[in-house]
Amino acid sequence: MTSKSQHVVPHQNGWAVKGAGNSRATTVQPTQQKAIDAARTIAKHHQAEVVIHGRNGQIRAKDSYGNDPFPPKG
């Protein structure tokens, strides 16, 4: 199973969760928080990363739920 990052992005009907490289949304939620929760569930199952975008499309946060190639030091 490949780990595909899940992106939380603005959508005309709220917020969408899209797998990296997908043109269609996996799910559309009314709020960003609900979309983040849905993306986390998918990412945990696939051991992938959640990439959260702001309304302007810029990345504002990332969370990893798999084998992190760059784990925190300390």
PDB file of N, CA and C in Angstrom:
ATOM      1  N   MET A   1       0.851  -1.171   0.000  1.00  0.00           N
ATOM      2  CA  MET A   1       0.000   0.000   0.000  1.00  0.00           C
ATOM      3  C   MET A   1       0.896   1.233   0.000  1.00  0.00           C
ATOM      4  N   THR A   2       0.594   2.135  -0.894  1.00  0.00           N
ATOM      5  CA  THR A   2       1.378   3.365  -0.941  1.00  0.00           C
ATOM      6  C   THR A   2       0.758   4.390  -0.008  1.00  0.00           C
ATOM      7  N   SER A   3       1.607   5.221   0.560  1.00  0.00           N
ATOM      8  CA  SER A   3       1.088   6.268   1.446  1.00  0.00           C
ATOM      9  C   SER A   3       0.964   7.550   0.645  1.00  0.00           C
ATOM     10  N   LYS A   4      -0.264   7.978   0.456  1.00  0.00           N
ATOM     11  CA  LYS A   4      -0.553   9.166  -0.332  1.00  0.00           C
ATOM     12  C   LYS A   4      -0.970  10.283   0.621  1.00  0.00           C
ATOM     13  N   SER A   5      -0.279  11.402   0.562  1.00  0.00           N
ATOM     14  CA  SER A   5      -0.617  12.538   1.415  1.00  0.00           C
ATOM     15  C   SER A   5      -2.061  12.954   1.180  1.00  0.00           C
ATOM     16  N   GLN A   6      -2.728  13.346   2.263  1.00  0.00           N
ATOM     17  CA  GLN A   6      -4.105  13.818   2.200  1.00  0.00           C
ATOM     18  C   GLN A   6      -4.091  15.332   2.396  1.00  0.00           C
ATOM     19  N   HIS A   7      -4.596  16.060   1.417  1.00  0.00           N
ATOM     20  CA  HIS A   7      -4.580  17.521   1.454  1.00  0.00           C
ATOM     21  C   HIS A   7      -5.965  18.050   1.812  1.00  0.00           C
ATOM     22  N   VAL A   8      -6.014  18.973   2.774  1.00  0.00           N
ATOM     23  CA  VAL A   8      -7.247  19.663   3.142  1.00  0.00           C
ATOM     24  C   VAL A   8      -7.198  21.009   2.426  1.00  0.00           C
ATOM     25  N   VAL A   9      -8.132  21.199   1.486  1.00  0.00           N
ATOM     26  CA  VAL A   9      -8.110  22.384   0.629  1.00  0.00           C
ATOM     27  C   VAL A   9      -9.484  23.052   0.575  1.00  0.00           C
ATOM     28  N   PRO A  10      -9.523  24.356   0.306  1.00  0.00           N
ATOM     29  CA  PRO A  10     -10.813  25.034   0.160  1.00  0.00           C
ATOM     30  C   PRO A  10     -11.606  24.440  -1.006  1.00  0.00           C
ATOM     31  N   HIS A  11     -12.924  24.421  -0.867  1.00  0.00           N
ATOM     32  CA  HIS A  11     -13.808  23.870  -1.890  1.00  0.00           C
ATOM     33  C   HIS A  11     -15.042  24.767  -1.963  1.00  0.00           C
ATOM     34  N   GLN A  12     -15.703  24.809  -3.094  1.00  0.00           N
ATOM     35  CA  GLN A  12     -16.869  25.685  -3.243  1.00  0.00           C
ATOM     36  C   GLN A  12     -17.977  25.351  -2.253  1.00  0.00           C
ATOM     37  N   ASN A  13     -18.022  24.120  -1.756  1.00  0.00           N
ATOM     38  CA  ASN A  13     -19.048  23.711  -0.794  1.00  0.00           C
ATOM     39  C   ASN A  13     -18.495  23.540   0.613  1.00  0.00           C
ATOM     40  N   GLY A  14     -17.346  24.140   0.917  1.00  0.00           N
ATOM     41  CA  GLY A  14     -16.737  24.019   2.249  1.00  0.00           C
ATOM     42  C   GLY A  14     -15.261  23.710   2.130  1.00  0.00           C
ATOM     43  N   TRP A  15     -14.879  22.532   2.617  1.00  0.00           N
ATOM     44  CA  TRP A  15     -13.479  22.098   2.585  1.00  0.00           C
ATOM     45  C   TRP A  15     -13.411  20.672   2.066  1.00  0.00           C
ATOM     46  N   ALA A  16     -12.418  20.405   1.216  1.00  0.00           N
ATOM     47  CA  ALA A  16     -12.272  19.087   0.610  1.00  0.00           C
ATOM     48  C   ALA A  16     -11.027  18.394   1.121  1.00  0.00           C
ATOM     49  N   VAL A  17     -11.085  17.061   1.125  1.00  0.00           N
ATOM     50  CA  VAL A  17      -9.919  16.229   1.384  1.00  0.00           C
ATOM     51  C   VAL A  17      -9.594  15.547   0.058  1.00  0.00           C
ATOM     52  N   LYS A  18      -8.355  15.763  -0.407  1.00  0.00           N
ATOM     53  CA  LYS A  18      -7.919  15.170  -1.672  1.00  0.00           C
ATOM     54  C   LYS A  18      -6.628  14.415  -1.457  1.00  0.00           C
ATOM     55  N   GLY A  19      -6.531  13.230  -2.018  1.00  0.00           N
ATOM     56  CA  GLY A  19      -5.272  12.499  -2.032  1.00  0.00           C
ATOM     57  C   GLY A  19      -4.319  13.194  -2.986  1.00  0.00           C
ATOM     58  N   ALA A  20      -3.037  13.184  -2.662  1.00  0.00           N
ATOM     59  CA  ALA A  20      -2.036  13.831  -3.521  1.00  0.00           C
ATOM     60  C   ALA A  20      -2.153  13.315  -4.950  1.00  0.00           C
ATOM     61  N   GLY A  21      -2.250  14.241  -5.893  1.00  0.00           N
ATOM     62  CA  GLY A  21      -2.329  13.886  -7.304  1.00  0.00           C
ATOM     63  C   GLY A  21      -3.732  13.588  -7.805  1.00  0.00           C
ATOM     64  N   ASN A  22      -4.707  13.519  -6.910  1.00  0.00           N
ATOM     65  CA  ASN A  22      -6.083  13.251  -7.329  1.00  0.00           C
ATOM     66  C   ASN A  22      -6.757  14.543  -7.778  1.00  0.00           C
ATOM     67  N   SER A  23      -7.577  14.456  -8.813  1.00  0.00           N
ATOM     68  CA  SER A  23      -8.315  15.637  -9.259  1.00  0.00           C
ATOM     69  C   SER A  23      -9.650  15.753  -8.532  1.00  0.00           C
ATOM     70  N   ARG A  24     -10.171  14.624  -8.047  1.00  0.00           N
ATOM     71  CA  ARG A  24     -11.459  14.640  -7.354  1.00  0.00           C
ATOM     72  C   ARG A  24     -11.252  14.524  -5.843  1.00  0.00           C
ATOM     73  N   ALA A  25     -12.169  15.138  -5.111  1.00  0.00           N
ATOM     74  CA  ALA A  25     -12.106  15.099  -3.650  1.00  0.00           C
ATOM     75  C   ALA A  25     -12.554  13.731  -3.142  1.00  0.00           C
ATOM     76  N   THR A  26     -11.887  13.270  -2.088  1.00  0.00           N
ATOM     77  CA  THR A  26     -12.303  12.045  -1.407  1.00  0.00           C
ATOM     78  C   THR A  26     -13.580  12.326  -0.627  1.00  0.00           C
ATOM     79  N   THR A  27     -13.628  13.489   0.027  1.00  0.00           N
ATOM     80  CA  THR A  27     -14.795  13.922   0.786  1.00  0.00           C
ATOM     81  C   THR A  27     -14.817  15.443   0.829  1.00  0.00           C
ATOM     82  N   VAL A  28     -16.019  15.994   0.970  1.00  0.00           N
ATOM     83  CA  VAL A  28     -16.191  17.438   1.147  1.00  0.00           C
ATOM     84  C   VAL A  28     -16.940  17.644   2.449  1.00  0.00           C
ATOM     85  N   GLN A  29     -16.413  18.518   3.294  1.00  0.00           N
ATOM     86  CA  GLN A  29     -16.985  18.775   4.614  1.00  0.00           C
ATOM     87  C   GLN A  29     -17.368  20.254   4.728  1.00  0.00           C
ATOM     88  N   PRO A  30     -18.341  20.573   5.600  1.00  0.00           N
ATOM     89  CA  PRO A  30     -18.774  21.973   5.722  1.00  0.00           C
ATOM     90  C   PRO A  30     -17.767  22.885   6.422  1.00  0.00           C
ATOM     91  N   THR A  31     -16.893  22.309   7.279  1.00  0.00           N
ATOM     92  CA  THR A  31     -15.902  23.123   7.989  1.00  0.00           C
ATOM     93  C   THR A  31     -14.508  22.546   7.778  1.00  0.00           C
ATOM     94  N   GLN A  32     -13.509  23.407   7.973  1.00  0.00           N
ATOM     95  CA  GLN A  32     -12.129  22.944   7.839  1.00  0.00           C
ATOM     96  C   GLN A  32     -11.812  21.902   8.903  1.00  0.00           C
ATOM     97  N   GLN A  33     -12.313  22.085  10.125  1.00  0.00           N
ATOM     98  CA  GLN A  33     -12.012  21.137  11.199  1.00  0.00           C
ATOM     99  C   GLN A  33     -12.561  19.746  10.882  1.00  0.00           C
ATOM    100  N   LYS A  34     -13.757  19.673  10.325  1.00  0.00           N
ATOM    101  CA  LYS A  34     -14.319  18.367   9.958  1.00  0.00           C
ATOM    102  C   LYS A  34     -13.511  17.724   8.845  1.00  0.00           C
ATOM    103  N   ALA A  35     -13.028  18.543   7.906  1.00  0.00           N
ATOM    104  CA  ALA A  35     -12.187  18.020   6.827  1.00  0.00           C
ATOM    105  C   ALA A  35     -10.852  17.525   7.384  1.00  0.00           C
ATOM    106  N   ILE A  36     -10.288  18.255   8.348  1.00  0.00           N
ATOM    107  CA  ILE A  36      -9.029  17.825   8.976  1.00  0.00           C
ATOM    108  C   ILE A  36      -9.235  16.491   9.695  1.00  0.00           C
ATOM    109  N   ASP A  37     -10.343  16.360  10.428  1.00  0.00           N
ATOM    110  CA  ASP A  37     -10.631  15.107  11.127  1.00  0.00           C
ATOM    111  C   ASP A  37     -10.756  13.941  10.145  1.00  0.00           C
ATOM    112  N   ALA A  38     -11.444  14.174   9.025  1.00  0.00           N
ATOM    113  CA  ALA A  38     -11.596  13.130   8.008  1.00  0.00           C
ATOM    114  C   ALA A  38     -10.239  12.772   7.395  1.00  0.00           C
ATOM    115  N   ALA A  39      -9.428  13.789   7.107  1.00  0.00           N
ATOM    116  CA  ALA A  39      -8.097  13.555   6.520  1.00  0.00           C
ATOM    117  C   ALA A  39      -7.215  12.770   7.485  1.00  0.00           C
ATOM    118  N   ARG A  40      -7.299  13.070   8.777  1.00  0.00           N
ATOM    119  CA  ARG A  40      -6.494  12.348   9.777  1.00  0.00           C
ATOM    120  C   ARG A  40      -6.877  10.876   9.821  1.00  0.00           C
ATOM    121  N   THR A  41      -8.169  10.595   9.763  1.00  0.00           N
ATOM    122  CA  THR A  41      -8.628   9.205   9.773  1.00  0.00           C
ATOM    123  C   THR A  41      -8.056   8.445   8.574  1.00  0.00           C
ATOM    124  N   ILE A  42      -8.131   9.057   7.403  1.00  0.00           N
ATOM    125  CA  ILE A  42      -7.594   8.430   6.190  1.00  0.00           C
ATOM    126  C   ILE A  42      -6.085   8.259   6.309  1.00  0.00           C
ATOM    127  N   ALA A  43      -5.392   9.303   6.750  1.00  0.00           N
ATOM    128  CA  ALA A  43      -3.927   9.273   6.848  1.00  0.00           C
ATOM    129  C   ALA A  43      -3.452   8.227   7.848  1.00  0.00           C
ATOM    130  N   LYS A  44      -4.138   8.097   8.979  1.00  0.00           N
ATOM    131  CA  LYS A  44      -3.754   7.088   9.971  1.00  0.00           C
ATOM    132  C   LYS A  44      -3.902   5.694   9.387  1.00  0.00           C
ATOM    133  N   HIS A  45      -4.973   5.469   8.643  1.00  0.00           N
ATOM    134  CA  HIS A  45      -5.211   4.157   8.030  1.00  0.00           C
ATOM    135  C   HIS A  45      -4.145   3.820   6.985  1.00  0.00           C
ATOM    136  N   HIS A  46      -3.722   4.820   6.229  1.00  0.00           N
ATOM    137  CA  HIS A  46      -2.741   4.612   5.157  1.00  0.00           C
ATOM    138  C   HIS A  46      -1.317   4.977   5.559  1.00  0.00           C
ATOM    139  N   GLN A  47      -1.116   5.337   6.821  1.00  0.00           N
ATOM    140  CA  GLN A  47       0.200   5.776   7.315  1.00  0.00           C
ATOM    141  C   GLN A  47       0.775   6.850   6.392  1.00  0.00           C
ATOM    142  N   ALA A  48       0.023   7.918   6.257  1.00  0.00           N
ATOM    143  CA  ALA A  48       0.385   9.002   5.337  1.00  0.00           C
ATOM    144  C   ALA A  48       0.467  10.324   6.084  1.00  0.00           C
ATOM    145  N   GLU A  49       0.583  11.396   5.327  1.00  0.00           N
ATOM    146  CA  GLU A  49       0.718  12.734   5.886  1.00  0.00           C
ATOM    147  C   GLU A  49      -0.539  13.547   5.591  1.00  0.00           C
ATOM    148  N   VAL A  50      -0.923  14.422   6.512  1.00  0.00           N
ATOM    149  CA  VAL A  50      -2.014  15.371   6.301  1.00  0.00           C
ATOM    150  C   VAL A  50      -1.373  16.732   6.042  1.00  0.00           C
ATOM    151  N   VAL A  51      -1.770  17.362   4.949  1.00  0.00           N
ATOM    152  CA  VAL A  51      -1.277  18.686   4.591  1.00  0.00           C
ATOM    153  C   VAL A  51      -2.488  19.627   4.621  1.00  0.00           C
ATOM    154  N   ILE A  52      -2.450  20.608   5.518  1.00  0.00           N
ATOM    155  CA  ILE A  52      -3.572  21.521   5.705  1.00  0.00           C
ATOM    156  C   ILE A  52      -3.265  22.843   5.011  1.00  0.00           C
ATOM    157  N   HIS A  53      -4.145  23.227   4.097  1.00  0.00           N
ATOM    158  CA  HIS A  53      -3.996  24.479   3.356  1.00  0.00           C
ATOM    159  C   HIS A  53      -4.952  25.519   3.930  1.00  0.00           C
ATOM    160  N   GLY A  54      -4.566  26.783   3.863  1.00  0.00           N
ATOM    161  CA  GLY A  54      -5.438  27.874   4.264  1.00  0.00           C
ATOM    162  C   GLY A  54      -6.349  28.265   3.118  1.00  0.00           C
ATOM    163  N   ARG A  55      -7.211  29.243   3.353  1.00  0.00           N
ATOM    164  CA  ARG A  55      -8.138  29.701   2.298  1.00  0.00           C
ATOM    165  C   ARG A  55      -7.401  30.203   1.057  1.00  0.00           C
ATOM    166  N   ASN A  56      -6.174  30.718   1.248  1.00  0.00           N
ATOM    167  CA  ASN A  56      -5.398  31.233   0.124  1.00  0.00           C
ATOM    168  C   ASN A  56      -4.641  30.129  -0.615  1.00  0.00           C
ATOM    169  N   GLY A  57      -4.778  28.899  -0.160  1.00  0.00           N
ATOM    170  CA  GLY A  57      -4.140  27.769  -0.823  1.00  0.00           C
ATOM    171  C   GLY A  57      -2.758  27.425  -0.294  1.00  0.00           C
ATOM    172  N   GLN A  58      -2.170  28.333   0.514  1.00  0.00           N
ATOM    173  CA  GLN A  58      -0.830  28.066   1.041  1.00  0.00           C
ATOM    174  C   GLN A  58      -0.896  27.033   2.167  1.00  0.00           C
ATOM    175  N   ILE A  59       0.150  26.215   2.255  1.00  0.00           N
ATOM    176  CA  ILE A  59       0.241  25.212   3.312  1.00  0.00           C
ATOM    177  C   ILE A  59       0.418  25.927   4.649  1.00  0.00           C
ATOM    178  N   ARG A  60      -0.409  25.554   5.632  1.00  0.00           N
ATOM    179  CA  ARG A  60      -0.274  26.164   6.952  1.00  0.00           C
ATOM    180  C   ARG A  60       0.141  25.167   8.023  1.00  0.00           C
ATOM    181  N   ALA A  61      -0.016  23.853   7.757  1.00  0.00           N
ATOM    182  CA  ALA A  61       0.405  22.848   8.736  1.00  0.00           C
ATOM    183  C   ALA A  61       0.524  21.491   8.061  1.00  0.00           C
ATOM    184  N   LYS A  62       1.338  20.619   8.673  1.00  0.00           N
ATOM    185  CA  LYS A  62       1.500  19.241   8.220  1.00  0.00           C
ATOM    186  C   LYS A  62       1.551  18.337   9.440  1.00  0.00           C
ATOM    187  N   ASP A  63       0.952  17.163   9.320  1.00  0.00           N
ATOM    188  CA  ASP A  63       1.035  16.139  10.363  1.00  0.00           C
ATOM    189  C   ASP A  63       1.311  14.810   9.683  1.00  0.00           C
ATOM    190  N   SER A  64       2.234  14.031  10.253  1.00  0.00           N
ATOM    191  CA  SER A  64       2.593  12.747   9.679  1.00  0.00           C
ATOM    192  C   SER A  64       2.068  11.618  10.555  1.00  0.00           C
ATOM    193  N   TYR A  65       1.489  10.600   9.921  1.00  0.00           N
ATOM    194  CA  TYR A  65       0.930   9.457  10.643  1.00  0.00           C
ATOM    195  C   TYR A  65       1.528   8.142  10.164  1.00  0.00           C
ATOM    196  N   GLY A  66       2.753   8.181   9.694  1.00  0.00           N
ATOM    197  CA  GLY A  66       3.394   6.971   9.217  1.00  0.00           C
ATOM    198  C   GLY A  66       4.844   6.964   9.602  1.00  0.00           C
ATOM    199  N   ASN A  67       5.631   6.310   8.792  1.00  0.00           N
ATOM    200  CA  ASN A  67       7.072   6.295   9.008  1.00  0.00           C
ATOM    201  C   ASN A  67       7.631   7.623   8.531  1.00  0.00           C
ATOM    202  N   ASP A  68       7.876   8.508   9.464  1.00  0.00           N
ATOM    203  CA  ASP A  68       8.358   9.848   9.146  1.00  0.00           C
ATOM    204  C   ASP A  68       9.824   9.781   8.718  1.00  0.00           C
ATOM    205  N   PRO A  69      10.138  10.183   7.477  1.00  0.00           N
ATOM    206  CA  PRO A  69      11.533  10.148   7.048  1.00  0.00           C
ATOM    207  C   PRO A  69      12.408  11.174   7.760  1.00  0.00           C
ATOM    208  N   PHE A  70      11.793  12.168   8.396  1.00  0.00           N
ATOM    209  CA  PHE A  70      12.532  13.192   9.116  1.00  0.00           C
ATOM    210  C   PHE A  70      11.942  13.360  10.520  1.00  0.00           C
ATOM    211  N   PRO A  71      12.118  12.358  11.390  1.00  0.00           N
ATOM    212  CA  PRO A  71      11.531  12.458  12.733  1.00  0.00           C
ATOM    213  C   PRO A  71      12.163  13.591  13.526  1.00  0.00           C
ATOM    214  N   PRO A  72      11.432  14.155  14.499  1.00  0.00           N
ATOM    215  CA  PRO A  72      11.997  15.234  15.313  1.00  0.00           C
ATOM    216  C   PRO A  72      13.185  14.735  16.130  1.00  0.00           C
ATOM    217  N   LYS A  73      14.168  15.592  16.312  1.00  0.00           N
ATOM    218  CA  LYS A  73      15.356  15.215  17.096  1.00  0.00           C
ATOM    219  C   LYS A  73      15.173  15.706  18.514  1.00  0.00           C
ATOM    220  N   GLY A  74      15.635  14.888  19.438  1.00  0.00           N
ATOM    221  CA  GLY A  74      15.585  15.377  20.803  1.00  0.00           C
ATOM    222  C   GLY A  74      15.111  14.437  21.770  1.00  0.00           C
TER     223      GLY A  74
END
